[in-house]
Amino acid sequence: MAGQAEKQKLQWHYAVLAFLIFISFFAGLGSVPLFDVDEGAFSEATREMLESGNYLTTYLNGEPRFDKPILIYWLQALSVKLFGLNEFGLRLPSALASAIWAVVLYLFVRKMFDLRTAFISTALMILSLQVTIIGKAAIADALLNCTLAISMFAVFLYYKKRRHAYILLAFAAIGLGTLTKGPVAILIPFAVSFIFFLFKRDVHTWIKAVFNPAGIAIFALIVLPWYTLEYLDQGMAFIEGFFFKHNIGRFSSPMEKHGGSLWYYIPVLLLGISPSTALLVPAFRRIRPLIADPLSGYLLTWFGFVFIFFSLSGTKLPHYIIYGYTPLFILMARALPFLRHSFLINLWPATVLLLLAAAPVLIRHIRTGINDPYIAALLESGITLMETSGHTLILSVAAAVIIGISFVPRLSVPKRFIAGGVIFCLTINLHIMPLAAMIMQEPVKEAALIAKKKGYKIVMWKINNPSFLVYSETLAERRKPEPGEIVLTNVTHLEKLRDPIILYEKNGIVLAKLPAPATQGEMQTGQ
């Protein structure tokens, strides 16, 4: 009977988690335009790869793009060949990687703890705000987090079981991560495992694992072919662009104005792990007993290293902290039974939605102090769309339902959380993200489709919207336009152009043509 009950529980877990994976990573996957800058840049590099047939070096707007290694572009290119050059095809690899990430998390926690902890930790991961966003974004981060989870779990399993196969699995996952986003996939497993083994006074075992000949061979077979060929193709430009600029340079100084204070990741964390933020309190209240347990200590070391390392980094981007979320979800799942006030589990996501519901009022308050015409246009269009879409009502009702779920006596605390998390996730994915896309990205896509239909040769001036290149399926020169040319810009810079003829304008994005210079005959006729 016990075996039958466990089998039924497993089936229920699989069904619920499959549903959560669908609503978080796959529902509406291709329904909104690509977001700039990141989604647009990755997608355009993939489009140019397919167009040129060059599957070695990625290019963005005709220039070499050394930001990231090649694996995500290969996967996007394969997906686009199968499903077409569209948002679904470009985002599908990330959604699949996120689904694998969730499955790996469930299997590991089930092996190390129990079914209940495995189920809750995986639900926390799938439903969290930042994960649901990057989990279906056409960028490299979902794939990196998937490979990180596999490598870090394999390292601990090696510590626990001392089986050679786990070291080989770790090296393979690190290799795939290095082919996805570079040295960070090596740094995190290397540093965290060293700190952990050092505290366990077992550095000898760590050294033996790190210098495992078979593992090094697997890593080399995965990583060296592309890195070697790329160096032979691009020379020192690749070394300087990829290693020095986009890796060492990102840590040493802010890049592209993405700086921040030492406390930058605290508010990012509080918002990013929503709706489960309340579980941070019982999780960190139990730090001492956590440290005593080897696995909990390992997970805490993993999260702590990521948090501290990227807090000290010169360049700060919100998604960097996600590299430490996987262990945090496990720690919070274990802390759920110690939550003193169960209604708190749904209070935070409801509060977040209520603050978003008040956005029209808040925007009106700050709009008067905005001098930039483009920002003012975005805010104005945002207010209009929110008012016409029933934004405040939708979010207020969603928040009320989440709070109401907290007081349903028949539901256990985990079920209350999952029900509230589903409402929160659906509201973000089916309302907030589409609304943001309509405000910021729909005008770029519409302008690009006009340019594609008319066959315009475009000059892109004072803005950076690589998604325009994806939708127009052409390149654009980045400079000030000359008379007779067609320019993509925004209203802030429009007044600097002489007598522009507006071809398209929406939410501050402008497609305009400059009058052609008068010919000699026209000048004489005018005289």
Protein backbone atom coordinates (compact mmCIF):
# COMPACT_ATOMS: atom_id res chain seq x y z
CA MET A 1 0.00 0.00 0.00
CA ALA A 2 2.86 2.37 0.81
CA GLY A 3 4.37 1.76 -2.62
CA GLN A 4 1.04 2.45 -4.32
CA ALA A 5 0.59 5.70 -2.36
CA GLU A 6 4.06 6.87 -3.33
CA LYS A 7 3.37 6.04 -6.97
CA GLN A 8 0.17 8.08 -6.89
CA LYS A 9 1.99 10.98 -5.25
CA LEU A 10 4.66 10.83 -7.95
CA GLN A 11 2.03 10.90 -10.68
CA TRP A 12 0.36 13.89 -9.03
CA HIS A 13 3.72 15.68 -8.77
CA TYR A 14 4.52 15.03 -12.43
CA ALA A 15 1.12 16.29 -13.55
CA VAL A 16 1.23 19.47 -11.47
CA LEU A 17 4.85 20.27 -12.35
CA ALA A 18 4.15 19.67 -16.05
CA PHE A 19 1.27 22.16 -15.78
CA LEU A 20 3.48 24.70 -13.98
CA ILE A 21 6.24 24.28 -16.58
CA PHE A 22 3.71 24.89 -19.34
CA ILE A 23 2.24 28.09 -17.89
CA SER A 24 5.64 29.47 -16.87
CA PHE A 25 7.85 28.60 -19.86
CA PHE A 26 5.66 27.69 -22.84
CA ALA A 27 2.31 29.51 -22.63
CA GLY A 28 2.41 32.53 -24.93
CA LEU A 29 6.00 31.73 -25.94
CA GLY A 30 5.69 33.42 -29.32
CA SER A 31 2.90 35.87 -28.58
CA VAL A 32 4.90 39.04 -27.84
CA PRO A 33 7.69 40.79 -29.77
CA LEU A 34 11.33 40.29 -28.87
CA PHE A 35 12.61 42.61 -26.14
CA ASP A 36 15.59 44.84 -26.74
CA VAL A 37 18.44 44.87 -26.17
CA ASP A 38 19.30 41.28 -25.25
CA GLU A 39 16.64 39.23 -27.04
CA GLY A 40 17.02 41.38 -30.12
CA ALA A 41 20.82 41.01 -30.16
CA PHE A 42 20.85 37.22 -29.69
CA SER A 43 18.08 36.73 -32.26
CA GLU A 44 19.66 38.99 -34.86
CA ALA A 45 23.02 37.24 -34.47
CA THR A 46 21.23 33.94 -35.09
CA ARG A 47 19.43 35.38 -38.13
CA GLU A 48 22.70 36.63 -39.61
CA MET A 49 24.28 33.23 -38.92
CA LEU A 50 21.56 31.49 -40.92
CA GLU A 51 21.69 34.07 -43.69
CA SER A 52 25.47 33.93 -44.10
CA GLY A 53 25.91 30.21 -43.47
CA ASN A 54 28.77 31.04 -41.09
CA TYR A 55 28.19 28.82 -38.05
CA LEU A 56 31.53 29.62 -36.43
CA THR A 57 31.56 33.37 -35.75
CA THR A 58 28.47 35.33 -34.74
CA TYR A 59 27.81 38.77 -36.20
CA LEU A 60 25.47 41.54 -35.11
CA ASN A 61 24.57 44.10 -37.75
CA GLY A 62 27.52 42.88 -39.80
CA GLU A 63 30.09 43.28 -36.99
CA PRO A 64 31.63 40.37 -35.01
CA ARG A 65 29.76 39.73 -31.77
CA PHE A 66 32.08 38.37 -29.09
CA ASP A 67 29.68 38.73 -26.15
CA LYS A 68 28.84 35.04 -25.78
CA PRO A 69 30.06 31.65 -27.06
CA ILE A 70 28.27 29.68 -29.74
CA LEU A 71 25.99 27.02 -28.23
CA ILE A 72 22.81 29.08 -27.75
CA TYR A 73 23.10 30.41 -31.32
CA TRP A 74 23.38 26.89 -32.70
CA LEU A 75 20.29 25.82 -30.77
CA GLN A 76 18.34 28.89 -31.85
CA ALA A 77 19.41 28.34 -35.47
CA LEU A 78 18.19 24.72 -35.33
CA SER A 79 14.89 25.82 -33.80
CA VAL A 80 14.41 28.55 -36.41
CA LYS A 81 15.03 26.05 -39.20
CA LEU A 82 12.32 23.83 -37.73
CA PHE A 83 9.75 26.48 -36.77
CA GLY A 84 10.64 29.56 -38.80
CA LEU A 85 12.16 32.95 -37.99
CA ASN A 86 9.68 34.01 -35.33
CA GLU A 87 9.48 34.58 -31.60
CA PHE A 88 8.46 30.98 -30.88
CA GLY A 89 11.39 29.51 -32.79
CA LEU A 90 13.90 31.88 -31.22
CA ARG A 91 12.67 31.36 -27.66
CA LEU A 92 12.01 27.61 -27.74
CA PRO A 93 15.59 26.53 -26.78
CA SER A 94 15.38 28.57 -23.58
CA ALA A 95 11.98 27.11 -22.68
CA LEU A 96 13.27 23.57 -23.21
CA ALA A 97 16.43 24.29 -21.18
CA SER A 98 14.26 25.69 -18.37
CA ALA A 99 12.09 22.57 -18.39
CA ILE A 100 15.21 20.38 -18.13
CA TRP A 101 16.52 22.62 -15.34
CA ALA A 102 13.28 22.02 -13.39
CA VAL A 103 13.39 18.26 -13.96
CA VAL A 104 17.04 18.07 -12.84
CA LEU A 105 16.18 20.05 -9.69
CA TYR A 106 13.28 17.74 -8.86
CA LEU A 107 15.30 14.55 -9.38
CA PHE A 108 18.24 15.78 -7.29
CA VAL A 109 16.16 16.97 -4.33
CA ARG A 110 14.06 13.82 -4.45
CA LYS A 111 17.25 11.76 -4.25
CA MET A 112 18.74 13.84 -1.43
CA PHE A 113 15.61 14.55 0.65
CA ASP A 114 12.05 13.45 -0.07
CA LEU A 115 9.19 13.83 -2.53
CA ARG A 116 7.59 16.76 -0.71
CA THR A 117 10.78 18.86 -0.62
CA ALA A 118 11.51 18.01 -4.25
CA PHE A 119 8.05 19.07 -5.34
CA ILE A 120 8.04 22.34 -3.37
CA SER A 121 11.57 23.41 -4.37
CA THR A 122 10.80 22.77 -8.06
CA ALA A 123 7.50 24.69 -7.82
CA LEU A 124 9.35 27.62 -6.20
CA MET A 125 11.82 27.63 -9.09
CA ILE A 126 9.27 27.36 -11.89
CA LEU A 127 6.95 30.05 -10.55
CA SER A 128 9.58 32.63 -9.52
CA LEU A 129 9.43 35.96 -11.33
CA GLN A 130 12.95 36.14 -12.74
CA VAL A 131 12.98 32.48 -13.75
CA THR A 132 9.70 32.73 -15.64
CA ILE A 133 11.11 35.76 -17.50
CA ILE A 134 14.52 34.35 -18.49
CA GLY A 135 13.02 30.88 -18.84
CA LYS A 136 11.49 31.78 -22.18
CA ALA A 137 13.73 34.64 -23.29
CA ALA A 138 15.80 34.27 -26.45
CA ILE A 139 19.08 34.66 -24.53
CA ALA A 140 21.72 32.32 -23.05
CA ASP A 141 20.79 32.43 -19.36
CA ALA A 142 18.23 29.63 -19.12
CA LEU A 143 20.66 27.25 -20.79
CA LEU A 144 23.51 28.40 -18.53
CA ASN A 145 21.43 27.91 -15.38
CA CYS A 146 20.47 24.43 -16.57
CA THR A 147 24.12 23.43 -17.06
CA LEU A 148 25.10 25.07 -13.77
CA ALA A 149 22.48 23.08 -11.87
CA ILE A 150 23.68 19.81 -13.42
CA SER A 151 27.35 20.51 -12.74
CA MET A 152 26.79 21.68 -9.15
CA PHE A 153 24.54 18.74 -8.30
CA ALA A 154 27.04 16.33 -9.85
CA VAL A 155 29.85 17.80 -7.72
CA PHE A 156 27.92 17.22 -4.52
CA LEU A 157 26.88 13.72 -5.57
CA TYR A 158 30.55 12.95 -6.12
CA TYR A 159 31.32 14.20 -2.60
CA LYS A 160 28.53 12.03 -1.20
CA LYS A 161 28.89 8.87 -3.29
CA ARG A 162 32.51 9.10 -4.55
CA ARG A 163 31.46 7.69 -7.91
CA HIS A 164 33.65 8.51 -10.87
CA ALA A 165 30.63 8.99 -13.16
CA TYR A 166 29.53 12.09 -11.26
CA ILE A 167 32.84 13.84 -11.91
CA LEU A 168 32.54 13.06 -15.61
CA LEU A 169 28.98 14.44 -15.60
CA ALA A 170 30.18 17.61 -13.86
CA PHE A 171 32.93 18.17 -16.43
CA ALA A 172 30.49 17.60 -19.31
CA ALA A 173 27.97 20.10 -17.86
CA ILE A 174 30.74 22.65 -17.18
CA GLY A 175 31.89 22.21 -20.77
CA LEU A 176 28.40 22.86 -22.15
CA GLY A 177 28.06 25.87 -19.84
CA THR A 178 31.41 27.22 -21.03
CA LEU A 179 30.20 26.82 -24.60
CA THR A 180 27.05 28.72 -23.60
CA LYS A 181 28.37 31.71 -21.65
CA GLY A 182 32.07 31.32 -21.04
CA PRO A 183 34.28 31.24 -17.92
CA VAL A 184 31.45 31.89 -15.43
CA ALA A 185 30.37 28.26 -15.98
CA ILE A 186 33.83 27.20 -14.72
CA LEU A 187 34.21 29.80 -11.99
CA ILE A 188 31.09 28.98 -9.97
CA PRO A 189 31.57 25.17 -9.69
CA PHE A 190 35.33 25.60 -9.20
CA ALA A 191 35.10 28.24 -6.44
CA VAL A 192 32.10 26.82 -4.59
CA SER A 193 33.45 23.26 -4.57
CA PHE A 194 36.87 24.46 -3.37
CA ILE A 195 35.33 26.43 -0.48
CA PHE A 196 33.10 23.48 0.43
CA PHE A 197 35.87 20.86 0.37
CA LEU A 198 38.14 23.25 2.24
CA PHE A 199 35.64 23.52 5.09
CA LYS A 200 35.27 19.75 5.05
CA ARG A 201 39.08 19.46 5.30
CA ASP A 202 39.14 17.31 2.20
CA VAL A 203 41.07 19.44 -0.31
CA HIS A 204 42.97 16.35 -1.47
CA THR A 205 39.74 14.86 -2.85
CA TRP A 206 38.92 18.18 -4.54
CA ILE A 207 42.33 18.35 -6.22
CA LYS A 208 41.98 14.76 -7.38
CA ALA A 209 38.58 15.55 -8.89
CA VAL A 210 39.67 18.79 -10.57
CA PHE A 211 42.63 17.10 -12.26
CA ASN A 212 40.70 14.01 -13.31
CA PRO A 213 42.18 13.09 -16.74
CA ALA A 214 38.95 11.67 -18.18
CA GLY A 215 36.96 14.68 -16.99
CA ILE A 216 39.47 17.12 -18.46
CA ALA A 217 39.32 15.17 -21.74
CA ILE A 218 35.52 15.42 -21.86
CA PHE A 219 35.65 19.15 -21.11
CA ALA A 220 38.29 19.67 -23.80
CA LEU A 221 36.32 17.72 -26.40
CA ILE A 222 33.28 19.91 -25.79
CA VAL A 223 34.99 23.29 -25.48
CA LEU A 224 38.27 23.37 -27.39
CA PRO A 225 37.06 22.77 -30.98
CA TRP A 226 34.97 25.94 -31.16
CA TYR A 227 37.27 28.13 -29.05
CA THR A 228 40.28 27.04 -31.13
CA LEU A 229 38.55 27.53 -34.48
CA GLU A 230 37.19 30.90 -33.36
CA TYR A 231 40.68 32.06 -32.39
CA LEU A 232 42.08 30.85 -35.72
CA ASP A 233 39.28 32.70 -37.51
CA GLN A 234 39.32 35.98 -35.55
CA GLY A 235 42.74 36.03 -33.87
CA MET A 236 43.40 38.43 -31.01
CA ALA A 237 40.15 40.27 -31.70
CA PHE A 238 38.35 37.26 -30.21
CA ILE A 239 40.66 37.08 -27.17
CA GLU A 240 40.39 40.81 -26.49
CA GLY A 241 36.65 41.04 -27.20
CA PHE A 242 35.46 37.89 -25.44
CA PHE A 243 37.89 37.29 -22.58
CA PHE A 244 39.24 40.75 -21.76
CA LYS A 245 36.21 42.92 -22.54
CA HIS A 246 33.13 40.76 -21.91
CA ASN A 247 34.48 38.69 -19.01
CA ILE A 248 37.37 40.34 -17.15
CA GLY A 249 36.15 43.81 -18.12
CA ARG A 250 32.62 43.17 -16.83
CA PHE A 251 33.95 42.36 -13.38
CA SER A 252 36.53 45.13 -13.13
CA SER A 253 34.31 48.05 -14.24
CA PRO A 254 30.71 48.87 -15.20
CA MET A 255 29.98 48.02 -18.83
CA GLU A 256 27.32 49.83 -20.89
CA LYS A 257 26.38 51.86 -17.77
CA HIS A 258 25.26 48.70 -15.92
CA GLY A 259 26.72 49.62 -12.54
CA GLY A 260 25.24 49.63 -9.06
CA SER A 261 25.93 49.82 -5.35
CA LEU A 262 27.17 46.99 -3.16
CA TRP A 263 23.52 46.40 -2.12
CA TYR A 264 22.22 46.23 -5.70
CA TYR A 265 21.16 42.58 -5.53
CA ILE A 266 19.13 42.82 -2.31
CA PRO A 267 16.03 44.40 -3.92
CA VAL A 268 16.63 42.32 -7.06
CA LEU A 269 16.54 39.16 -4.92
CA LEU A 270 13.43 40.19 -2.99
CA LEU A 271 11.52 40.85 -6.20
CA GLY A 272 13.17 38.19 -8.35
CA ILE A 273 12.19 35.16 -6.26
CA SER A 274 8.58 36.31 -5.93
CA PRO A 275 6.11 34.83 -5.07
CA SER A 276 8.17 32.89 -2.48
CA THR A 277 10.05 35.83 -0.93
CA ALA A 278 8.48 35.29 2.52
CA LEU A 279 10.37 31.99 2.81
CA LEU A 280 13.68 33.84 3.04
CA VAL A 281 12.90 34.62 6.70
CA PRO A 282 12.62 31.03 8.01
CA ALA A 283 15.41 29.88 5.66
CA PHE A 284 17.99 32.33 7.00
CA ARG A 285 16.70 32.11 10.56
CA ARG A 286 17.95 28.51 10.47
CA ILE A 287 21.44 29.23 9.10
CA ARG A 288 23.29 27.50 11.96
CA PRO A 289 21.60 24.10 11.60
CA LEU A 290 21.86 24.49 7.83
CA ILE A 291 25.63 24.82 8.01
CA ALA A 292 25.85 21.65 10.11
CA ASP A 293 24.20 19.62 7.35
CA PRO A 294 26.69 18.98 4.46
CA LEU A 295 24.18 19.46 1.64
CA SER A 296 22.60 22.56 3.16
CA GLY A 297 26.07 23.97 3.79
CA TYR A 298 26.98 23.29 0.16
CA LEU A 299 23.81 24.99 -1.10
CA LEU A 300 24.39 27.98 1.19
CA THR A 301 27.98 28.26 -0.07
CA TRP A 302 26.72 28.18 -3.66
CA PHE A 303 24.20 30.97 -3.12
CA GLY A 304 26.58 33.00 -0.94
CA PHE A 305 29.42 32.90 -3.44
CA VAL A 306 27.19 34.04 -6.33
CA PHE A 307 25.64 36.82 -4.25
CA ILE A 308 28.98 38.15 -2.95
CA PHE A 309 30.92 37.75 -6.20
CA PHE A 310 28.41 39.62 -8.35
CA SER A 311 27.81 42.23 -5.65
CA LEU A 312 31.53 43.03 -5.93
CA SER A 313 31.45 42.98 -9.74
CA GLY A 314 31.73 46.30 -11.56
CA THR A 315 28.99 45.36 -14.04
CA LYS A 316 25.67 44.48 -12.42
CA LEU A 317 22.70 43.05 -14.28
CA PRO A 318 19.59 41.63 -12.61
CA HIS A 319 19.92 38.15 -14.13
CA TYR A 320 23.42 37.50 -12.69
CA ILE A 321 21.93 36.70 -9.28
CA ILE A 322 19.82 33.91 -10.82
CA TYR A 323 23.00 31.78 -10.95
CA GLY A 324 22.54 31.38 -7.19
CA TYR A 325 18.77 30.83 -7.14
CA THR A 326 18.74 27.04 -7.59
CA PRO A 327 20.23 26.29 -4.13
CA LEU A 328 18.06 28.99 -2.59
CA PHE A 329 14.88 27.31 -3.81
CA ILE A 330 15.93 24.09 -2.05
CA LEU A 331 16.78 25.90 1.18
CA MET A 332 13.46 27.76 1.13
CA ALA A 333 11.52 24.56 0.42
CA ARG A 334 13.09 22.97 3.50
CA ALA A 335 12.15 26.08 5.52
CA LEU A 336 8.48 26.08 4.52
CA PRO A 337 7.32 24.00 7.53
CA PHE A 338 8.93 26.61 9.81
CA LEU A 339 6.97 29.57 8.41
CA ARG A 340 5.28 30.98 11.51
CA HIS A 341 2.38 32.72 9.78
CA SER A 342 1.19 30.76 6.76
CA PHE A 343 -0.79 33.65 5.26
CA LEU A 344 2.53 35.49 4.70
CA ILE A 345 3.37 33.10 1.88
CA ASN A 346 0.83 34.87 -0.37
CA LEU A 347 0.99 38.35 1.11
CA TRP A 348 4.15 39.33 -0.78
CA PRO A 349 2.99 38.42 -4.34
CA ALA A 350 -0.36 40.11 -3.68
CA THR A 351 1.48 43.26 -2.56
CA VAL A 352 3.65 43.22 -5.69
CA LEU A 353 0.56 42.99 -7.90
CA LEU A 354 -1.17 45.79 -6.01
CA LEU A 355 1.86 48.05 -6.50
CA LEU A 356 1.79 47.24 -10.21
CA ALA A 357 -1.97 47.93 -10.23
CA ALA A 358 -1.20 51.43 -8.96
CA ALA A 359 1.23 52.06 -11.83
CA PRO A 360 -1.03 54.53 -13.73
CA VAL A 361 -1.29 56.75 -10.63
CA LEU A 362 2.44 56.53 -9.95
CA ILE A 363 3.33 57.27 -13.57
CA ARG A 364 1.08 60.34 -13.63
CA HIS A 365 2.85 61.56 -10.52
CA ILE A 366 6.36 61.30 -12.00
CA ARG A 367 5.46 62.19 -15.60
CA THR A 368 5.50 65.95 -14.97
CA GLY A 369 9.18 65.81 -14.04
CA ILE A 370 10.25 63.98 -17.21
CA ASN A 371 11.95 66.20 -19.81
CA ASP A 372 12.99 63.50 -22.27
CA PRO A 373 10.32 63.39 -25.04
CA TYR A 374 10.88 59.66 -25.69
CA ILE A 375 10.46 58.67 -22.04
CA ALA A 376 7.43 60.96 -21.80
CA ALA A 377 5.90 59.28 -24.87
CA LEU A 378 6.47 55.83 -23.37
CA LEU A 379 4.85 56.84 -20.10
CA GLU A 380 1.90 58.42 -21.85
CA SER A 381 1.30 55.34 -24.00
CA GLY A 382 1.68 53.17 -20.91
CA ILE A 383 -1.04 55.08 -19.07
CA THR A 384 -3.36 54.85 -22.07
CA LEU A 385 -2.84 51.11 -22.51
CA MET A 386 -3.28 50.41 -18.82
CA GLU A 387 -6.54 52.34 -18.73
CA THR A 388 -7.96 50.71 -21.85
CA SER A 389 -6.88 47.18 -20.91
CA GLY A 390 -8.41 47.20 -17.44
CA HIS A 391 -4.93 46.90 -15.94
CA THR A 392 -5.78 48.11 -12.44
CA LEU A 393 -8.88 45.93 -12.19
CA ILE A 394 -7.12 42.80 -13.48
CA LEU A 395 -4.22 43.10 -11.04
CA SER A 396 -6.44 44.08 -8.11
CA VAL A 397 -8.66 41.04 -8.68
CA ALA A 398 -5.60 38.78 -9.03
CA ALA A 399 -4.17 40.14 -5.77
CA ALA A 400 -7.52 39.65 -3.99
CA VAL A 401 -7.75 36.05 -5.21
CA ILE A 402 -4.21 35.33 -4.00
CA ILE A 403 -5.03 36.75 -0.56
CA GLY A 404 -8.33 34.85 -0.49
CA ILE A 405 -6.54 31.55 -1.20
CA SER A 406 -4.50 32.10 1.98
CA PHE A 407 -7.66 31.69 4.07
CA VAL A 408 -9.05 28.53 2.48
CA PRO A 409 -8.91 26.12 5.46
CA ARG A 410 -8.98 22.93 3.40
CA LEU A 411 -5.77 23.80 1.57
CA SER A 412 -2.36 23.01 3.07
CA VAL A 413 0.29 25.73 3.08
CA PRO A 414 2.11 24.29 0.01
CA LYS A 415 -1.17 24.11 -1.92
CA ARG A 416 -2.00 27.69 -0.96
CA PHE A 417 1.39 28.79 -2.20
CA ILE A 418 1.11 26.90 -5.50
CA ALA A 419 -2.41 28.18 -6.16
CA GLY A 420 -1.35 31.75 -5.41
CA GLY A 421 1.85 31.27 -7.41
CA VAL A 422 -0.11 30.12 -10.43
CA ILE A 423 -2.28 33.26 -10.30
CA PHE A 424 0.83 35.41 -9.91
CA CYS A 425 2.67 33.67 -12.77
CA LEU A 426 -0.32 33.83 -15.13
CA THR A 427 -0.80 37.54 -14.36
CA ILE A 428 2.85 38.27 -15.17
CA ASN A 429 2.95 36.15 -18.34
CA LEU A 430 -0.48 36.89 -19.78
CA HIS A 431 -0.86 40.55 -18.79
CA ILE A 432 2.27 42.34 -17.53
CA MET A 433 4.76 41.05 -20.12
CA PRO A 434 2.40 41.52 -23.12
CA LEU A 435 1.60 45.03 -21.86
CA ALA A 436 5.30 45.88 -21.58
CA ALA A 437 5.88 44.49 -25.07
CA MET A 438 3.06 46.57 -26.53
CA ILE A 439 4.52 49.72 -25.00
CA MET A 440 8.21 49.21 -25.74
CA GLN A 441 8.58 46.69 -28.55
CA GLU A 442 5.46 46.65 -30.71
CA PRO A 443 6.37 50.00 -32.35
CA VAL A 444 9.85 48.69 -33.22
CA LYS A 445 8.37 45.56 -34.80
CA GLU A 446 5.74 47.50 -36.75
CA ALA A 447 8.34 49.97 -38.07
CA ALA A 448 10.57 47.05 -39.10
CA LEU A 449 7.75 45.31 -40.97
CA ILE A 450 7.04 48.55 -42.86
CA ALA A 451 10.72 48.81 -43.79
CA LYS A 452 10.73 45.18 -44.91
CA LYS A 453 7.58 45.56 -47.03
CA LYS A 454 8.77 48.77 -48.70
CA GLY A 455 12.36 47.58 -49.11
CA TYR A 456 13.75 50.59 -47.25
CA LYS A 457 17.45 50.92 -46.52
CA ILE A 458 17.54 52.13 -42.93
CA VAL A 459 19.93 54.25 -40.91
CA MET A 460 19.60 53.63 -37.15
CA TRP A 461 20.50 56.78 -35.21
CA LYS A 462 20.87 57.38 -31.47
CA ILE A 463 18.97 54.20 -30.53
CA ASN A 464 19.89 50.54 -30.15
CA ASN A 465 17.06 48.21 -31.17
CA PRO A 466 18.54 45.07 -32.74
CA SER A 467 15.08 43.47 -32.86
CA PHE A 468 14.38 45.92 -35.71
CA LEU A 469 17.01 44.06 -37.75
CA VAL A 470 15.38 40.71 -36.98
CA TYR A 471 11.94 41.81 -38.19
CA SER A 472 13.15 43.86 -41.17
CA GLU A 473 15.57 41.04 -42.10
CA THR A 474 18.22 43.52 -43.11
CA LEU A 475 21.16 45.43 -41.65
CA ALA A 476 21.16 49.11 -40.72
CA GLU A 477 23.98 51.62 -40.62
CA ARG A 478 24.54 53.22 -37.21
CA ARG A 479 25.21 56.91 -37.91
CA LYS A 480 23.56 60.28 -38.48
CA PRO A 481 21.35 60.16 -41.58
CA GLU A 482 22.07 62.14 -44.72
CA PRO A 483 19.49 63.97 -46.88
CA GLY A 484 17.33 61.51 -48.80
CA GLU A 485 17.85 58.65 -46.33
CA ILE A 486 15.33 56.90 -44.08
CA VAL A 487 16.13 56.87 -40.37
CA LEU A 488 14.91 54.91 -37.36
CA THR A 489 15.19 57.01 -34.21
CA ASN A 490 13.04 58.30 -31.38
CA VAL A 491 11.27 61.60 -30.79
CA THR A 492 14.03 62.89 -28.51
CA HIS A 493 16.41 63.12 -31.48
CA LEU A 494 13.85 63.98 -34.16
CA GLU A 495 14.17 67.73 -33.60
CA LYS A 496 17.87 67.52 -34.51
CA LEU A 497 16.95 66.46 -38.06
CA ARG A 498 16.07 68.94 -40.79
CA ASP A 499 12.47 68.78 -42.08
CA PRO A 500 11.94 65.04 -41.56
CA ILE A 501 8.96 63.41 -43.27
CA ILE A 502 7.31 61.07 -40.74
CA LEU A 503 6.62 57.63 -42.21
CA TYR A 504 5.66 55.97 -38.92
CA GLU A 505 5.46 57.11 -35.31
CA LYS A 506 4.24 55.29 -32.23
CA ASN A 507 5.17 55.44 -28.54
CA GLY A 508 8.13 57.66 -29.31
CA ILE A 509 9.63 55.42 -32.02
CA VAL A 510 9.93 57.20 -35.36
CA LEU A 511 10.61 56.06 -38.92
CA ALA A 512 11.28 59.18 -40.98
CA LYS A 513 12.68 60.22 -44.35
CA LEU A 514 14.89 63.23 -44.79
CA PRO A 515 14.19 65.39 -47.87
CA ALA A 516 16.58 64.72 -50.72
CA PRO A 517 18.98 67.57 -51.59
CA ALA A 518 17.76 69.80 -54.37
CA THR A 519 19.27 69.16 -57.81
CA GLN A 520 20.99 71.89 -59.84
CA GLY A 521 17.93 72.17 -62.10
CA GLU A 522 15.55 72.49 -59.15
CA MET A 523 17.72 75.19 -57.62
CA GLN A 524 17.72 77.17 -60.89
CA THR A 525 13.93 76.77 -61.24
CA GLY A 526 13.49 78.01 -57.71
CA GLN A 527 15.51 81.13 -58.58
